[in-house]
C-alpha atoms as a PDB file:
ATOM      1  CA  MET A   1      66.928 189.241  39.958  1.00  0.00           C
ATOM      2  CA  LYS A   2      69.994 189.121  41.605  1.00  0.00           C
ATOM      3  CA  LYS A   3      71.798 186.075  41.961  1.00  0.00           C
ATOM      4  CA  ALA A   4      73.370 185.038  45.684  1.00  0.00           C
ATOM      5  CA  ILE A   5      77.054 184.796  46.238  1.00  0.00           C
ATOM      6  CA  ALA A   6      78.511 182.425  47.726  1.00  0.00           C
ATOM      7  CA  LEU A   7      80.625 183.181  50.739  1.00  0.00           C
ATOM      8  CA  SER A   8      83.676 181.355  52.124  1.00  0.00           C
ATOM      9  CA  GLU A   9      84.191 179.587  55.313  1.00  0.00           C
ATOM     10  CA  THR A  10      85.919 182.574  56.487  1.00  0.00           C
ATOM     11  CA  GLU A  11      83.678 185.214  55.137  1.00  0.00           C
ATOM     12  CA  GLN A  12      80.846 183.237  56.427  1.00  0.00           C
ATOM     13  CA  ARG A  13      81.866 182.973  59.854  1.00  0.00           C
ATOM     14  CA  ASP A  14      82.966 186.671  59.958  1.00  0.00           C
ATOM     15  CA  LEU A  15      79.441 187.821  59.322  1.00  0.00           C
ATOM     16  CA  ASP A  16      78.398 185.425  62.030  1.00  0.00           C
ATOM     17  CA  ASP A  17      81.137 186.851  64.391  1.00  0.00           C
ATOM     18  CA  ALA A  18      79.258 190.553  63.297  1.00  0.00           C
ATOM     19  CA  LEU A  19      76.156 189.265  63.618  1.00  0.00           C
ATOM     20  CA  PHE A  20      76.813 188.189  67.023  1.00  0.00           C
ATOM     21  CA  LEU A  21      78.640 191.001  68.094  1.00  0.00           C
ATOM     22  CA  HIS A  22      75.931 193.579  67.083  1.00  0.00           C
ATOM     23  CA  VAL A  23      72.759 190.857  68.782  1.00  0.00           C
ATOM     24  CA  ARG A  24      75.122 191.842  71.841  1.00  0.00           C
ATOM     25  CA  ASP A  25      75.391 195.410  71.451  1.00  0.00           C
ATOM     26  CA  GLY A  26      71.773 195.929  70.755  1.00  0.00           C
ATOM     27  CA  ASN A  27      72.170 196.971  67.226  1.00  0.00           C
ATOM     28  CA  LEU A  28      69.206 196.246  65.188  1.00  0.00           C
ATOM     29  CA  SER A  29      70.277 198.463  62.082  1.00  0.00           C
ATOM     30  CA  GLU A  30      73.736 196.596  61.664  1.00  0.00           C
ATOM     31  CA  VAL A  31      71.311 193.005  62.503  1.00  0.00           C
ATOM     32  CA  ARG A  32      69.454 193.846  59.840  1.00  0.00           C
ATOM     33  CA  LYS A  33      72.427 194.540  57.373  1.00  0.00           C
ATOM     34  CA  ALA A  34      73.988 191.514  58.625  1.00  0.00           C
ATOM     35  CA  VAL A  35      71.197 188.960  58.014  1.00  0.00           C
ATOM     36  CA  LYS A  36      70.752 190.636  54.724  1.00  0.00           C
ATOM     37  CA  ALA A  37      74.189 189.737  53.960  1.00  0.00           C
ATOM     38  CA  GLY A  38      73.341 186.611  54.747  1.00  0.00           C
ATOM     39  CA  ALA A  39      74.595 186.218  58.588  1.00  0.00           C
ATOM     40  CA  ASN A  40      72.984 182.633  59.567  1.00  0.00           C
ATOM     41  CA  LEU A  41      70.380 182.735  62.064  1.00  0.00           C
ATOM     42  CA  LYS A  42      71.355 179.478  63.681  1.00  0.00           C
ATOM     43  CA  ALA A  43      75.193 179.969  63.678  1.00  0.00           C
ATOM     44  CA  THR A  44      76.028 178.712  67.432  1.00  0.00           C
ATOM     45  CA  LEU A  45      80.198 179.554  67.583  1.00  0.00           C
ATOM     46  CA  TYR A  46      79.133 181.340  70.438  1.00  0.00           C
ATOM     47  CA  LEU A  47      75.433 181.524  71.283  1.00  0.00           C
ATOM     48  CA  SER A  48      72.643 181.161  69.139  1.00  0.00           C
ATOM     49  CA  PRO A  49      71.162 185.231  68.638  1.00  0.00           C
ATOM     50  CA  ILE A  50      67.980 184.484  70.694  1.00  0.00           C
ATOM     51  CA  LEU A  51      70.111 183.068  73.791  1.00  0.00           C
ATOM     52  CA  ASN A  52      72.585 186.075  72.734  1.00  0.00           C
ATOM     53  CA  VAL A  53      69.588 188.726  73.323  1.00  0.00           C
ATOM     54  CA  ALA A  54      68.734 186.895  76.364  1.00  0.00           C
ATOM     55  CA  PHE A  55      72.086 185.892  77.910  1.00  0.00           C
ATOM     56  CA  MET A  56      73.886 188.776  77.288  1.00  0.00           C
ATOM     57  CA  ARG A  57      72.267 192.224  76.602  1.00  0.00           C
ATOM     58  CA  VAL A  58      71.365 194.547  80.214  1.00  0.00           C
ATOM     59  CA  LYS A  59      68.300 195.764  78.547  1.00  0.00           C
ATOM     60  CA  PRO A  60      66.847 193.987  75.929  1.00  0.00           C
ATOM     61  CA  SER A  61      64.487 195.188  73.176  1.00  0.00           C
ATOM     62  CA  LYS A  62      61.124 193.343  71.646  1.00  0.00           C
ATOM     63  CA  ARG A  63      62.023 194.845  68.607  1.00  0.00           C
ATOM     64  CA  LEU A  64      65.342 192.878  68.031  1.00  0.00           C
ATOM     65  CA  ILE A  65      64.348 190.053  69.792  1.00  0.00           C
ATOM     66  CA  ASN A  66      60.793 189.892  67.260  1.00  0.00           C
ATOM     67  CA  TYR A  67      63.150 190.933  64.330  1.00  0.00           C
ATOM     68  CA  LEU A  68      65.606 187.843  64.962  1.00  0.00           C
ATOM     69  CA  LEU A  69      62.427 185.713  65.551  1.00  0.00           C
ATOM     70  CA  ASP A  70      60.793 186.693  62.478  1.00  0.00           C
ATOM     71  CA  LYS A  71      63.930 185.766  60.310  1.00  0.00           C
ATOM     72  CA  GLY A  72      64.135 182.939  61.319  1.00  0.00           C
ATOM     73  CA  ALA A  73      65.822 181.957  64.659  1.00  0.00           C
ATOM     74  CA  ASP A  74      65.275 179.541  66.960  1.00  0.00           C
ATOM     75  CA  ILE A  75      63.168 180.408  69.485  1.00  0.00           C
ATOM     76  CA  ASN A  76      64.072 177.298  71.407  1.00  0.00           C
ATOM     77  CA  ALA A  77      67.678 177.077  70.764  1.00  0.00           C
ATOM     78  CA  VAL A  78      69.647 175.920  73.796  1.00  0.00           C
ATOM     79  CA  ASP A  79      73.130 176.743  75.233  1.00  0.00           C
ATOM     80  CA  TYR A  80      76.081 173.895  76.093  1.00  0.00           C
ATOM     81  CA  ASP A  81      73.772 173.443  79.583  1.00  0.00           C
ATOM     82  CA  SER A  82      70.388 172.610  77.577  1.00  0.00           C
ATOM     83  CA  ARG A  83      69.406 176.299  78.732  1.00  0.00           C
ATOM     84  CA  SER A  84      67.019 177.932  76.504  1.00  0.00           C
ATOM     85  CA  ALA A  85      66.596 181.805  75.471  1.00  0.00           C
ATOM     86  CA  LEU A  86      63.514 181.531  78.499  1.00  0.00           C
ATOM     87  CA  HIS A  87      66.092 179.801  81.168  1.00  0.00           C
ATOM     88  CA  TRP A  88      68.190 182.695  80.804  1.00  0.00           C
ATOM     89  CA  ALA A  89      65.595 185.469  80.476  1.00  0.00           C
ATOM     90  CA  ALA A  90      64.385 184.528  83.622  1.00  0.00           C
ATOM     91  CA  LEU A  91      67.566 183.807  85.304  1.00  0.00           C
ATOM     92  CA  ARG A  92      68.051 187.425  84.212  1.00  0.00           C
ATOM     93  CA  GLY A  93      64.783 188.536  84.865  1.00  0.00           C
ATOM     94  CA  SER A  94      64.168 190.678  81.812  1.00  0.00           C
ATOM     95  CA  HIS A  95      60.154 190.809  81.840  1.00  0.00           C
ATOM     96  CA  ALA A  96      60.344 192.437  77.901  1.00  0.00           C
ATOM     97  CA  ILE A  97      62.356 189.319  76.631  1.00  0.00           C
ATOM     98  CA  ILE A  98      60.059 186.691  78.819  1.00  0.00           C
ATOM     99  CA  GLU A  99      56.896 188.044  77.386  1.00  0.00           C
ATOM    100  CA  VAL A 100      57.754 188.091  74.214  1.00  0.00           C
ATOM    101  CA  LEU A 101      59.200 184.523  74.419  1.00  0.00           C
ATOM    102  CA  ILE A 102      55.811 182.908  75.361  1.00  0.00           C
ATOM    103  CA  GLU A 103      53.984 185.605  73.468  1.00  0.00           C
ATOM    104  CA  ARG A 104      56.122 183.473  70.612  1.00  0.00           C
ATOM    105  CA  GLY A 105      55.482 180.067  71.385  1.00  0.00           C
ATOM    106  CA  ALA A 106      59.059 179.046  73.573  1.00  0.00           C
ATOM    107  CA  ASN A 107      58.701 176.160  75.342  1.00  0.00           C
ATOM    108  CA  LEU A 108      57.892 176.861  78.572  1.00  0.00           C
ATOM    109  CA  LEU A 109      58.617 172.905  79.879  1.00  0.00           C
ATOM    110  CA  ALA A 110      61.912 173.003  78.243  1.00  0.00           C
ATOM    111  CA  GLN A 111      64.717 171.025  80.427  1.00  0.00           C
ATOM    112  CA  ASN A 112      67.964 172.193  80.838  1.00  0.00           C
ATOM    113  CA  LYS A 113      70.819 169.655  81.739  1.00  0.00           C
ATOM    114  CA  LEU A 114      69.724 169.485  85.506  1.00  0.00           C
ATOM    115  CA  GLN A 115      66.078 168.412  84.084  1.00  0.00           C
ATOM    116  CA  MET A 116      64.833 172.137  85.576  1.00  0.00           C
ATOM    117  CA  THR A 117      62.391 174.151  83.467  1.00  0.00           C
ATOM    118  CA  PRO A 118      62.973 177.969  83.159  1.00  0.00           C
ATOM    119  CA  LEU A 119      60.856 178.240  86.117  1.00  0.00           C
ATOM    120  CA  GLU A 120      62.033 175.114  88.431  1.00  0.00           C
ATOM    121  CA  ALA A 121      66.025 177.171  87.888  1.00  0.00           C
ATOM    122  CA  THR A 122      64.440 180.536  88.107  1.00  0.00           C
ATOM    123  CA  GLN A 123      62.794 179.418  91.499  1.00  0.00           C
ATOM    124  CA  THR A 124      66.537 177.594  92.603  1.00  0.00           C
ATOM    125  CA  PHE A 125      68.987 179.738  91.514  1.00  0.00           C
ATOM    126  CA  SER A 126      68.225 183.458  90.961  1.00  0.00           C
ATOM    127  CA  GLY A 127      66.354 184.654  94.171  1.00  0.00           C
ATOM    128  CA  ALA A 128      63.596 186.209  90.889  1.00  0.00           C
ATOM    129  CA  ASP A 129      61.491 188.746  91.814  1.00  0.00           C
ATOM    130  CA  GLN A 130      57.728 187.943  92.104  1.00  0.00           C
ATOM    131  CA  LYS A 131      57.108 189.422  88.521  1.00  0.00           C
ATOM    132  CA  THR A 132      59.175 186.503  86.687  1.00  0.00           C
ATOM    133  CA  ILE A 133      57.831 183.974  88.992  1.00  0.00           C
ATOM    134  CA  ASN A 134      54.426 184.916  88.246  1.00  0.00           C
ATOM    135  CA  LEU A 135      54.937 185.767  84.006  1.00  0.00           C
ATOM    136  CA  LEU A 136      56.024 181.899  83.987  1.00  0.00           C
ATOM    137  CA  ILE A 137      53.595 180.592  85.937  1.00  0.00           C
ATOM    138  CA  ASN A 138      50.462 182.326  84.383  1.00  0.00           C
ATOM    139  CA  ALA A 139      51.974 181.377  81.326  1.00  0.00           C
ATOM    140  CA  GLU A 140      52.192 177.366  82.107  1.00  0.00           C
ATOM    141  CA  ASN A 141      48.509 177.185  83.478  1.00  0.00           C
ATOM    142  CA  LYS A 142      47.291 178.582  80.374  1.00  0.00           C
ATOM    143  CA  ALA A 143      49.634 176.447  78.495  1.00  0.00           C
ATOM    144  CA  LYS A 144      47.677 173.297  80.824  1.00  0.00           C
ATOM    145  CA  THR A 145      44.151 175.014  80.489  1.00  0.00           C
ATOM    146  CA  LYS A 146      44.567 175.213  76.292  1.00  0.00           C
ATOM    147  CA  LYS A 147      45.761 171.955  76.295  1.00  0.00           C
ATOM    148  CA  GLU A 148      43.067 170.269  78.968  1.00  0.00           C
ATOM    149  CA  LEU A 149      40.642 171.659  76.656  1.00  0.00           C
ATOM    150  CA  GLY A 150      42.275 170.230  73.635  1.00  0.00           C
ATOM    151  CA  VAL A 151      42.002 167.276  75.039  1.00  0.00           C
ATOM    152  CA  LEU A 152      38.281 167.748  76.163  1.00  0.00           C
ATOM    153  CA  LYS A 153      37.442 168.940  72.690  1.00  0.00           C
ATOM    154  CA  THR A 154      39.257 166.093  71.340  1.00  0.00           C
ATOM    155  CA  VAL A 155      37.031 163.066  73.564  1.00  0.00           C
ATOM    156  CA  ALA A 156      33.848 165.530  72.480  1.00  0.00           C
ATOM    157  CA  GLY A 157      34.275 165.172  69.297  1.00  0.00           C
ATOM    158  CA  ILE A 158      34.104 169.233  68.700  1.00  0.00           C
ATOM    159  CA  ASP A 159      36.649 170.336  65.486  1.00  0.00           C
ATOM    160  CA  GLN A 160      39.673 171.885  66.885  1.00  0.00           C
ATOM    161  CA  LYS A 161      38.376 174.755  64.793  1.00  0.00           C
ATOM    162  CA  GLU A 162      35.325 175.379  67.070  1.00  0.00           C
ATOM    163  CA  GLU A 163      35.285 177.948  69.855  1.00  0.00           C
ATOM    164  CA  ILE A 164      34.574 176.110  73.116  1.00  0.00           C
ATOM    165  CA  VAL A 165      32.834 178.198  76.204  1.00  0.00           C
ATOM    166  CA  LEU A 166      32.271 176.982  79.299  1.00  0.00           C
ATOM    167  CA  PRO A 167      29.831 177.570  81.585  1.00  0.00           C
ATOM    168  CA  HIS A 168      31.023 180.719  83.666  1.00  0.00           C
ATOM    169  CA  ALA A 169      33.760 180.704  82.195  1.00  0.00           C
ATOM    170  CA  LYS A 170      35.349 183.628  79.607  1.00  0.00           C
ATOM    171  CA  THR A 171      36.080 182.276  75.880  1.00  0.00           C
ATOM    172  CA  LEU A 172      39.109 181.045  75.455  1.00  0.00           C
END
């Protein structure tokens, strides 16, 4: 087994800068090389890798964001205004990235410095298309339903692993 070689501070910064640029450019093969070489997925010199995908890319790649998340990037990292990747993806109308972030568990109720969730910020600032708004509303509704069912299960003393079926409702 190869022993990891410690990088100097300058080498680490250069590697993190390279990761930032490759993510921004959507170059998955170079991102993989940078991560394998030890680039810091939690680095925030500019933006975290996940924020970078949501913010910088014109046509973001689902494969790229899934790769970064699989390797440990923080799905709920925030920028200087406490905006998450979900805030940025929603503000930019990046449907594919919104879907990945929601599927992977991004915090739908994360608030920016203006105390706005991604949905609220999108409705206020972006003139977002209806699909973006619907994606966020549907995700919030599903999350609320799951939370309410969890409360019902707890109150009823039902094991959280059991499936609950309500009359005239689809199994969740």
